[in-house]
N, C-alpha and C. Protein backbone atom coordinates (compact mmCIF):
# COMPACT_ATOMS: atom_id res chain seq x y z
N MET A 1 85.41 87.26 106.96
CA MET A 1 85.25 86.10 106.06
C MET A 1 86.64 85.83 105.46
N ALA A 2 86.68 84.57 105.27
CA ALA A 2 87.76 84.15 104.70
C ALA A 2 88.16 84.64 103.50
N VAL A 3 89.28 84.53 102.79
CA VAL A 3 89.34 85.22 101.06
C VAL A 3 89.14 83.74 100.57
N ARG A 4 88.34 83.82 99.58
CA ARG A 4 87.73 82.81 98.50
C ARG A 4 88.14 82.33 97.30
N ILE A 5 89.10 82.98 96.97
CA ILE A 5 89.78 82.47 96.00
C ILE A 5 91.37 83.07 96.40
N VAL A 6 92.32 81.60 95.70
CA VAL A 6 93.45 81.76 96.27
C VAL A 6 94.46 81.16 95.02
N ALA A 7 95.49 81.78 94.84
CA ALA A 7 96.26 81.54 93.84
C ALA A 7 97.88 80.79 94.23
N LEU A 8 98.25 79.81 94.07
CA LEU A 8 99.50 79.33 94.13
C LEU A 8 100.67 79.75 93.68
N GLN A 9 101.40 80.27 93.85
CA GLN A 9 102.94 80.80 93.80
C GLN A 9 103.88 80.53 94.03
N GLY A 10 105.17 80.16 93.51
CA GLY A 10 106.27 80.05 94.39
C GLY A 10 107.08 78.82 94.29
N ALA A 11 106.65 78.25 93.09
CA ALA A 11 107.24 76.83 92.43
C ALA A 11 107.12 76.43 91.26
N ALA A 12 108.10 75.69 90.65
CA ALA A 12 108.01 75.40 89.49
C ALA A 12 106.33 74.87 88.75
N GLY A 13 105.78 75.41 87.65
CA GLY A 13 105.02 75.08 87.02
C GLY A 13 104.02 73.57 87.41
N PHE A 14 104.94 72.87 86.77
CA PHE A 14 104.33 71.20 87.07
C PHE A 14 104.07 70.76 88.71
N VAL A 15 104.94 71.46 89.83
CA VAL A 15 104.96 71.35 90.76
C VAL A 15 103.71 72.04 91.49
N VAL A 16 103.54 73.01 90.95
CA VAL A 16 102.05 73.88 91.25
C VAL A 16 100.91 73.07 91.08
N GLN A 17 100.72 72.41 89.50
CA GLN A 17 99.81 71.70 89.28
C GLN A 17 99.84 70.24 90.03
N VAL A 18 100.77 69.69 90.24
CA VAL A 18 100.41 68.54 90.98
C VAL A 18 100.03 68.62 92.22
N ARG A 19 100.06 69.88 92.81
CA ARG A 19 99.74 69.95 94.10
C ARG A 19 98.29 70.43 93.82
N LEU A 20 97.69 71.09 92.89
CA LEU A 20 96.60 71.49 92.66
C LEU A 20 95.52 70.14 92.23
N ALA A 21 96.11 69.26 91.59
CA ALA A 21 95.52 68.10 91.43
C ALA A 21 95.41 67.16 92.63
N GLU A 22 96.61 67.02 93.52
CA GLU A 22 96.27 66.29 94.77
C GLU A 22 95.23 67.16 95.92
N PHE A 23 94.97 68.38 95.67
CA PHE A 23 93.87 69.03 96.59
C PHE A 23 92.40 68.65 95.90
N ALA A 24 92.42 68.76 94.50
CA ALA A 24 91.45 68.35 94.15
C ALA A 24 90.94 66.71 94.06
N ARG A 25 91.40 65.95 94.23
CA ARG A 25 91.57 64.63 94.80
C ARG A 25 91.01 64.34 96.12
N ALA A 26 91.84 64.98 96.97
CA ALA A 26 91.56 65.32 98.20
C ALA A 26 89.88 65.64 98.69
N ARG A 27 89.77 66.56 97.92
CA ARG A 27 88.32 67.08 98.24
C ARG A 27 87.28 66.03 97.52
N ALA A 28 87.75 65.33 96.57
CA ALA A 28 86.44 64.35 95.76
C ALA A 28 86.46 63.10 96.93
N VAL A 29 87.33 62.87 97.23
CA VAL A 29 87.62 61.75 98.25
C VAL A 29 86.55 62.13 99.52
N GLU A 30 86.46 63.30 99.95
CA GLU A 30 85.67 63.61 100.90
C GLU A 30 84.38 63.86 100.58
N GLY A 31 84.01 63.64 99.49
CA GLY A 31 82.35 63.84 98.96
C GLY A 31 81.91 65.51 98.41
N ILE A 32 83.29 66.20 98.25
CA ILE A 32 83.38 67.84 97.71
C ILE A 32 83.12 67.76 96.53
N ARG A 33 81.89 68.20 95.53
CA ARG A 33 81.89 68.61 94.29
C ARG A 33 82.90 69.50 93.70
N VAL A 34 83.88 68.76 93.19
CA VAL A 34 85.24 69.87 92.58
C VAL A 34 85.03 70.06 91.04
N ALA A 35 84.89 71.41 90.28
CA ALA A 35 84.74 71.33 89.32
C ALA A 35 86.23 72.37 88.32
N GLY A 36 86.58 71.85 87.17
CA GLY A 36 87.86 72.60 87.09
C GLY A 36 88.67 71.93 86.35
N CYS A 37 89.42 72.40 86.16
CA CYS A 37 90.90 71.59 85.40
C CYS A 37 92.01 71.67 86.06
N VAL A 38 93.30 70.65 85.80
CA VAL A 38 94.83 70.81 85.79
C VAL A 38 95.37 70.65 84.81
N GLU A 39 96.60 71.24 85.06
CA GLU A 39 97.58 70.93 83.65
C GLU A 39 98.62 69.57 83.62
N GLU A 40 98.22 68.80 82.97
CA GLU A 40 99.64 67.99 82.95
C GLU A 40 100.71 68.09 82.05
N PHE A 41 101.70 67.48 82.22
CA PHE A 41 102.49 67.53 81.13
C PHE A 41 103.18 66.25 80.87
N SER A 42 103.04 66.04 79.74
CA SER A 42 103.39 64.50 79.54
C SER A 42 104.76 64.25 78.31
N GLY A 43 105.04 65.61 77.98
CA GLY A 43 106.37 65.37 76.97
C GLY A 43 107.79 65.91 77.67
N ALA A 44 108.84 65.84 76.95
CA ALA A 44 109.91 65.62 77.41
C ALA A 44 110.52 67.11 77.68
N PRO A 45 111.54 67.21 78.96
CA PRO A 45 111.84 68.44 79.04
C PRO A 45 112.74 69.16 77.69
N GLY A 46 112.04 70.67 77.50
CA GLY A 46 113.01 71.27 76.49
C GLY A 46 112.09 70.96 75.43
N GLN A 47 110.58 70.45 75.27
CA GLN A 47 110.18 70.31 74.04
C GLN A 47 109.05 71.42 74.28
N GLY A 48 109.19 72.36 74.77
CA GLY A 48 107.91 73.48 74.56
C GLY A 48 106.96 72.73 74.97
N CYS A 49 105.61 73.00 74.24
CA CYS A 49 104.11 72.68 74.67
C CYS A 49 103.87 71.07 74.32
N SER A 50 104.78 70.76 73.67
CA SER A 50 104.55 69.22 73.02
C SER A 50 104.04 68.46 74.59
N GLY A 51 103.01 67.68 74.54
CA GLY A 51 102.30 67.16 75.61
C GLY A 51 101.70 67.51 76.68
N ARG A 52 101.26 68.76 76.34
CA ARG A 52 100.86 69.82 77.22
C ARG A 52 99.23 69.45 77.18
N ALA A 53 98.60 69.22 78.26
CA ALA A 53 97.06 69.14 78.27
C ALA A 53 96.51 69.72 79.77
N LEU A 54 94.94 69.86 79.73
CA LEU A 54 94.58 69.95 80.64
C LEU A 54 93.12 68.82 81.13
N ARG A 55 93.55 68.71 82.25
CA ARG A 55 92.54 67.41 82.62
C ARG A 55 91.33 67.65 83.45
N ASP A 56 90.23 67.67 82.78
CA ASP A 56 88.64 67.88 83.42
C ASP A 56 88.65 67.11 84.65
N LEU A 57 88.31 67.86 85.73
CA LEU A 57 88.37 66.96 87.42
C LEU A 57 87.07 66.55 87.39
N THR A 58 86.02 66.94 86.55
CA THR A 58 84.66 66.09 86.92
C THR A 58 85.03 64.76 85.69
N SER A 59 85.05 65.11 84.88
CA SER A 59 85.09 63.64 83.57
C SER A 59 86.05 62.89 83.62
N GLY A 60 87.41 63.45 83.80
CA GLY A 60 88.69 62.98 83.71
C GLY A 60 89.18 63.19 82.14
N ARG A 61 88.13 63.90 81.15
CA ARG A 61 88.83 64.04 80.05
C ARG A 61 89.75 64.67 79.83
N ARG A 62 90.98 64.37 79.01
CA ARG A 62 92.25 65.10 78.56
C ARG A 62 91.98 65.94 77.39
N ARG A 63 92.38 67.16 77.52
CA ARG A 63 92.37 68.07 75.97
C ARG A 63 93.67 68.33 75.99
N ILE A 64 94.17 67.98 74.52
CA ILE A 64 95.52 68.49 74.35
C ILE A 64 95.44 70.18 74.21
N ILE A 65 96.47 70.70 74.95
CA ILE A 65 96.39 72.32 74.59
C ILE A 65 97.95 72.87 73.73
N GLY A 66 98.95 71.77 73.80
CA GLY A 66 100.09 72.28 73.29
C GLY A 66 100.14 71.82 71.80
N GLN A 67 100.78 73.01 70.85
CA GLN A 67 100.54 72.36 69.55
C GLN A 67 101.93 72.09 69.27
N ASP A 68 102.20 70.72 68.48
CA ASP A 68 103.77 70.44 68.01
C ASP A 68 103.93 71.29 67.08
N LEU A 69 105.12 71.93 67.22
CA LEU A 69 105.35 72.86 65.87
C LEU A 69 106.97 72.33 65.30
N GLY A 70 107.04 71.05 65.77
CA GLY A 70 107.92 70.22 64.86
C GLY A 70 109.52 70.04 65.76
N SER A 71 110.15 69.17 65.30
CA SER A 71 111.53 68.51 65.71
C SER A 71 112.15 70.12 65.75
N GLY A 72 112.86 70.09 66.92
CA GLY A 72 113.57 71.56 66.98
C GLY A 72 113.30 72.33 67.72
N SER A 73 111.76 72.89 67.47
CA SER A 73 111.15 73.90 68.20
C SER A 73 111.11 73.91 69.79
N LEU A 74 111.55 75.00 70.18
CA LEU A 74 111.45 75.21 71.76
C LEU A 74 110.45 76.17 71.92
N ALA A 75 109.95 76.76 71.06
CA ALA A 75 108.72 77.42 71.23
C ALA A 75 107.21 76.95 71.60
N CYS A 76 106.83 77.45 72.61
CA CYS A 76 105.36 76.88 72.84
C CYS A 76 104.40 77.81 72.59
N GLN A 77 103.44 77.01 71.66
CA GLN A 77 102.05 77.82 70.80
C GLN A 77 100.85 76.97 71.60
N LEU A 78 100.51 77.65 72.45
CA LEU A 78 99.18 76.91 73.06
C LEU A 78 97.93 76.98 72.06
N ASP A 79 97.27 75.53 72.12
CA ASP A 79 95.89 75.37 71.35
C ASP A 79 94.88 76.05 72.36
N ALA A 80 94.27 77.26 71.36
CA ALA A 80 93.24 78.15 72.36
C ALA A 80 92.09 77.24 72.10
N VAL A 81 91.66 76.49 71.18
CA VAL A 81 90.87 75.71 70.97
C VAL A 81 90.58 74.71 72.11
N GLY A 82 91.55 73.86 72.48
CA GLY A 82 91.75 73.19 73.54
C GLY A 82 91.48 73.78 74.54
N VAL A 83 91.90 74.58 75.08
CA VAL A 83 92.01 75.44 76.23
C VAL A 83 90.65 76.22 76.26
N SER A 84 90.00 76.33 75.22
CA SER A 84 88.62 76.73 75.24
C SER A 84 87.38 75.88 75.56
N ASP A 85 87.52 74.78 74.89
CA ASP A 85 86.94 73.12 75.30
C ASP A 85 87.21 73.08 76.60
N SER A 86 87.99 72.99 77.48
CA SER A 86 88.43 72.85 78.61
C SER A 86 87.61 73.97 79.87
N CYS A 87 87.68 75.19 79.57
CA CYS A 87 87.04 76.11 80.07
C CYS A 87 85.51 75.82 79.92
N GLN A 88 84.98 75.33 78.77
CA GLN A 88 83.45 74.83 78.84
C GLN A 88 83.06 73.75 79.21
N ASP A 89 84.16 72.75 79.72
CA ASP A 89 83.95 71.68 80.85
C ASP A 89 83.66 72.03 81.82
N ALA A 90 84.51 73.09 82.54
CA ALA A 90 84.45 73.46 83.99
C ALA A 90 83.38 74.19 83.93
N LEU A 91 82.80 75.49 82.91
CA LEU A 91 81.74 76.12 83.11
C LEU A 91 80.68 75.41 83.36
N ASP A 92 80.19 73.83 82.67
CA ASP A 92 79.06 73.23 82.53
C ASP A 92 79.36 72.53 83.64
N ALA A 93 80.33 72.25 84.66
CA ALA A 93 80.80 71.43 85.63
C ALA A 93 80.26 72.45 86.82
N ILE A 94 80.36 73.89 86.74
CA ILE A 94 80.29 74.88 87.56
C ILE A 94 78.24 74.96 87.68
N GLU A 95 77.73 74.87 86.60
CA GLU A 95 76.66 75.30 86.22
C GLU A 95 75.62 74.43 86.87
N ARG A 96 76.25 72.96 86.81
CA ARG A 96 75.34 71.60 87.63
C ARG A 96 75.94 71.70 88.73
N GLY A 97 76.92 72.75 89.61
CA GLY A 97 76.85 72.69 91.13
C GLY A 97 77.95 72.31 91.43
N CYS A 98 79.12 73.31 92.18
CA CYS A 98 80.12 72.72 92.71
C CYS A 98 80.66 73.13 93.98
N ASP A 99 81.39 72.56 94.90
CA ASP A 99 81.79 73.06 96.39
C ASP A 99 83.24 73.80 95.82
N VAL A 100 83.69 73.82 95.20
CA VAL A 100 85.08 74.37 95.00
C VAL A 100 85.13 74.02 93.36
N ALA A 101 85.84 75.32 93.15
CA ALA A 101 86.37 75.19 91.43
C ALA A 101 87.90 75.08 91.63
N VAL A 102 88.71 74.39 90.93
CA VAL A 102 90.23 74.14 90.72
C VAL A 102 90.59 74.57 89.49
N LEU A 103 91.19 75.91 88.97
CA LEU A 103 91.31 76.06 87.44
C LEU A 103 92.99 76.51 87.38
N ALA A 104 93.30 75.49 86.35
CA ALA A 104 94.70 75.48 86.10
C ALA A 104 95.55 76.45 86.48
N LYS A 105 95.24 77.94 86.01
CA LYS A 105 96.40 78.81 85.94
C LYS A 105 95.39 80.04 85.20
N PHE A 106 96.05 81.14 85.94
CA PHE A 106 95.56 82.23 85.26
C PHE A 106 96.95 82.90 84.78
N GLY A 107 96.88 82.77 83.23
CA GLY A 107 98.35 82.86 82.50
C GLY A 107 97.75 84.09 81.08
N LYS A 108 98.72 83.49 80.14
CA LYS A 108 98.89 84.51 79.18
C LYS A 108 97.15 84.77 78.46
N LEU A 109 96.52 83.76 78.07
CA LEU A 109 95.18 83.75 77.67
C LEU A 109 94.35 84.43 78.58
N GLU A 110 94.46 84.13 79.94
CA GLU A 110 93.25 84.79 80.73
C GLU A 110 93.76 86.05 80.84
N SER A 111 94.95 86.33 80.98
CA SER A 111 95.32 88.04 81.12
C SER A 111 94.74 88.61 79.94
N GLU A 112 94.29 88.12 78.70
CA GLU A 112 93.88 88.56 77.59
C GLU A 112 92.34 88.46 77.39
N ARG A 113 91.83 87.94 78.53
CA ARG A 113 90.41 87.68 78.95
C ARG A 113 90.21 86.59 78.05
N GLY A 114 90.77 85.71 77.77
CA GLY A 114 90.44 84.20 77.07
C GLY A 114 91.13 83.25 77.77
N GLY A 115 91.02 81.66 77.34
CA GLY A 115 91.34 80.54 78.30
C GLY A 115 90.39 80.43 78.96
N LEU A 116 90.91 80.33 80.22
CA LEU A 116 89.59 79.79 81.26
C LEU A 116 88.96 81.02 82.19
N VAL A 117 88.98 82.29 81.59
CA VAL A 117 88.55 83.39 82.37
C VAL A 117 86.96 83.63 82.58
N ASP A 118 86.55 82.70 81.33
CA ASP A 118 84.76 82.52 81.66
C ASP A 118 84.51 81.55 83.13
N ALA A 119 84.92 80.38 83.11
CA ALA A 119 85.06 79.77 84.48
C ALA A 119 85.44 80.38 85.72
N PHE A 120 86.65 80.97 85.73
CA PHE A 120 86.70 81.91 86.79
C PHE A 120 85.44 83.03 87.21
N ALA A 121 84.95 83.25 86.28
CA ALA A 121 83.87 84.75 86.26
C ALA A 121 82.83 83.73 87.07
N ALA A 122 82.41 82.40 86.32
CA ALA A 122 81.08 81.89 86.28
C ALA A 122 81.55 81.31 88.19
N ALA A 123 82.61 80.71 88.45
CA ALA A 123 82.56 80.24 89.91
C ALA A 123 82.40 81.63 90.57
N ALA A 124 83.11 82.64 90.51
CA ALA A 124 83.28 83.88 91.32
C ALA A 124 81.55 84.27 91.74
N ALA A 125 81.16 84.53 90.55
CA ALA A 125 80.01 85.02 90.58
C ALA A 125 78.76 84.14 91.45
N ARG A 126 79.03 82.87 91.62
CA ARG A 126 78.32 81.56 92.51
C ARG A 126 78.94 81.76 93.77
N ASP A 127 79.85 82.21 94.21
CA ASP A 127 80.28 82.78 95.24
C ASP A 127 81.16 81.08 95.57
N VAL A 128 81.41 80.15 94.61
CA VAL A 128 82.37 79.08 94.93
C VAL A 128 83.74 79.38 95.09
N PRO A 129 84.53 78.80 95.65
CA PRO A 129 85.66 78.95 96.25
C PRO A 129 86.87 78.59 95.00
N ILE A 130 87.70 79.26 94.59
CA ILE A 130 88.37 79.18 93.55
C ILE A 130 89.96 78.74 93.96
N VAL A 131 90.78 77.97 93.46
CA VAL A 131 91.73 77.54 93.52
C VAL A 131 92.95 77.35 92.30
N THR A 132 93.76 78.40 92.18
CA THR A 132 94.35 78.46 90.49
C THR A 132 96.16 78.43 90.93
N ALA A 133 96.67 79.05 90.00
CA ALA A 133 97.94 79.02 89.96
C ALA A 133 98.37 80.39 89.18
N VAL A 134 99.23 81.31 89.67
CA VAL A 134 99.36 81.89 88.90
C VAL A 134 101.24 82.53 88.55
N ALA A 135 101.75 82.60 87.28
CA ALA A 135 103.21 82.40 87.40
C ALA A 135 103.62 84.15 87.65
N PRO A 136 104.84 84.52 87.96
CA PRO A 136 104.97 86.05 88.41
C PRO A 136 104.81 86.84 87.31
N GLN A 137 105.01 86.22 86.16
CA GLN A 137 104.83 87.37 84.85
C GLN A 137 103.44 88.01 84.75
N PHE A 138 102.57 86.95 85.26
CA PHE A 138 101.06 87.35 85.24
C PHE A 138 100.48 87.78 86.42
N ALA A 139 101.77 88.17 87.61
CA ALA A 139 100.90 88.61 88.66
C ALA A 139 100.05 90.32 88.60
N GLU A 140 100.61 90.98 88.04
CA GLU A 140 100.16 92.41 87.58
C GLU A 140 98.72 91.89 87.39
N ALA A 141 98.57 91.28 86.38
CA ALA A 141 97.36 90.97 85.57
C ALA A 141 96.13 90.49 85.93
N TRP A 142 96.70 89.49 87.28
CA TRP A 142 95.87 88.80 88.14
C TRP A 142 95.37 89.73 89.06
N ALA A 143 96.20 90.73 89.71
CA ALA A 143 95.60 91.63 90.72
C ALA A 143 94.87 92.29 89.95
N ARG A 144 94.75 93.12 88.50
CA ARG A 144 93.66 93.74 87.98
C ARG A 144 92.45 93.09 87.79
N TYR A 145 92.67 91.50 87.49
CA TYR A 145 91.55 90.84 87.38
C TYR A 145 90.80 90.44 88.17
N SER A 146 91.42 89.82 89.37
CA SER A 146 91.17 89.59 90.77
C SER A 146 90.14 90.74 91.97
N GLY A 147 91.20 91.89 91.46
CA GLY A 147 90.45 93.50 92.13
C GLY A 147 90.35 93.33 93.24
N GLY A 148 91.31 92.70 94.05
CA GLY A 148 91.66 92.43 95.45
C GLY A 148 90.62 91.35 96.23
N LEU A 149 90.14 90.83 95.48
CA LEU A 149 89.48 89.48 96.14
C LEU A 149 90.01 88.15 96.48
N ALA A 150 91.24 88.12 95.71
CA ALA A 150 92.38 87.03 95.92
C ALA A 150 93.47 87.30 96.54
N ALA A 151 93.71 85.98 97.05
CA ALA A 151 95.63 85.92 98.08
C ALA A 151 96.18 85.16 97.52
N TYR A 152 97.67 85.15 97.53
CA TYR A 152 98.55 84.20 97.22
C TYR A 152 98.63 83.11 98.32
N VAL A 153 98.95 81.98 98.08
CA VAL A 153 99.23 80.83 99.00
C VAL A 153 100.33 80.02 98.71
N ASP A 154 101.15 79.66 99.48
CA ASP A 154 102.40 79.06 99.23
C ASP A 154 101.95 77.87 98.71
N PRO A 155 102.38 77.25 97.74
CA PRO A 155 102.25 76.00 97.14
C PRO A 155 102.47 74.43 97.70
N SER A 156 102.35 74.88 99.08
CA SER A 156 102.20 73.45 100.08
C SER A 156 101.20 73.01 100.25
N ARG A 157 101.12 71.71 100.64
CA ARG A 157 100.12 70.89 101.06
C ARG A 157 99.54 71.46 102.21
N GLU A 158 100.22 71.94 103.05
CA GLU A 158 99.85 72.73 104.56
C GLU A 158 99.13 73.65 104.31
N ALA A 159 99.65 74.76 103.60
CA ALA A 159 99.00 75.78 103.21
C ALA A 159 97.86 76.00 102.74
N LEU A 160 97.57 75.32 101.50
CA LEU A 160 96.31 75.24 100.99
C LEU A 160 95.12 74.79 101.74
N GLU A 161 95.83 73.30 102.62
CA GLU A 161 94.99 72.55 103.34
C GLU A 161 94.35 73.58 104.53
N THR A 162 94.79 74.63 105.10
CA THR A 162 94.79 75.73 106.33
C THR A 162 93.83 76.49 105.49
N TRP A 163 94.10 76.97 104.41
CA TRP A 163 93.25 77.93 103.60
C TRP A 163 91.71 77.06 103.26
N TRP A 164 91.87 75.93 103.11
CA TRP A 164 90.39 75.04 102.77
C TRP A 164 89.49 75.27 104.22
N LEU A 165 90.29 74.75 105.29
CA LEU A 165 89.68 75.04 106.60
C LEU A 165 89.06 76.23 106.52
N THR A 166 89.40 77.29 106.42
CA THR A 166 89.13 78.44 106.61
C THR A 166 87.45 78.71 105.93
N VAL A 167 87.44 78.19 104.80
CA VAL A 167 86.73 78.69 103.88
C VAL A 167 85.39 77.64 103.92
N CYS A 168 85.76 76.41 104.50
CA CYS A 168 84.87 75.64 104.55
C CYS A 168 84.17 75.11 105.71
N ALA A 169 84.87 75.97 106.87
CA ALA A 169 84.67 75.07 107.83
C ALA A 169 83.32 76.44 108.42
N PRO A 170 82.78 76.10 109.60
CA PRO A 170 81.78 77.19 109.96
C PRO A 170 82.63 78.26 110.93
N PRO A 171 82.19 79.18 110.95
CA PRO A 171 82.85 80.34 111.66
C PRO A 171 83.71 80.33 112.60
N ALA A 172 82.60 79.85 113.84
CA ALA A 172 83.49 79.57 114.90
C ALA A 172 85.03 78.68 114.85
N ARG A 173 84.87 77.53 113.46
CA ARG A 173 85.98 76.76 113.84
C ARG A 173 86.86 77.26 112.85
N ALA A 174 86.61 78.14 111.75
CA ALA A 174 87.76 78.89 111.00
C ALA A 174 88.36 79.74 111.86
N ALA A 175 87.66 80.26 113.10
CA ALA A 175 88.35 81.58 113.92
C ALA A 175 89.49 80.92 114.48
N ALA A 176 89.56 79.54 115.01
CA ALA A 176 90.47 78.95 115.64
C ALA A 176 91.62 78.42 114.70
N VAL A 177 91.45 78.30 113.77
CA VAL A 177 92.67 77.89 112.56
C VAL A 177 93.87 79.05 112.49
């Protein structure tokens, strides 16, 4: 049986988020029901969390998650309320029924059992394939959380598509991949 949970790792955060968004768009074009969110960056480089948001993949709603700490601040302060609201959007979509969950990341909040962790749990409980991103500093927490049920995939379009074909394809076709 193919691994149904994969985490992208090996590129800058914005590159990984673009790849997740591309994957979600490709699935939606195919008629696949996608739940979850991707992170968007609209602030200038070196501006901390300013301009960071989570975009819901079902509704397109954009929730700001970066708090502006004022000029000159390079610190990053996530808005836990924005992340929590995004998690609820994802949960609602998962509960309505989806074919794949694309969840922006397993990061600091998730490692502390917050953030998007309830969406991860809901998708896994329904055996929905999950695609996410995990930064190296959260790899140990991810390994504990995922309990050996997940694998890392290179953040290339080809690697992600190969994984998807093994998950969505009938067993005979998956064996040929």
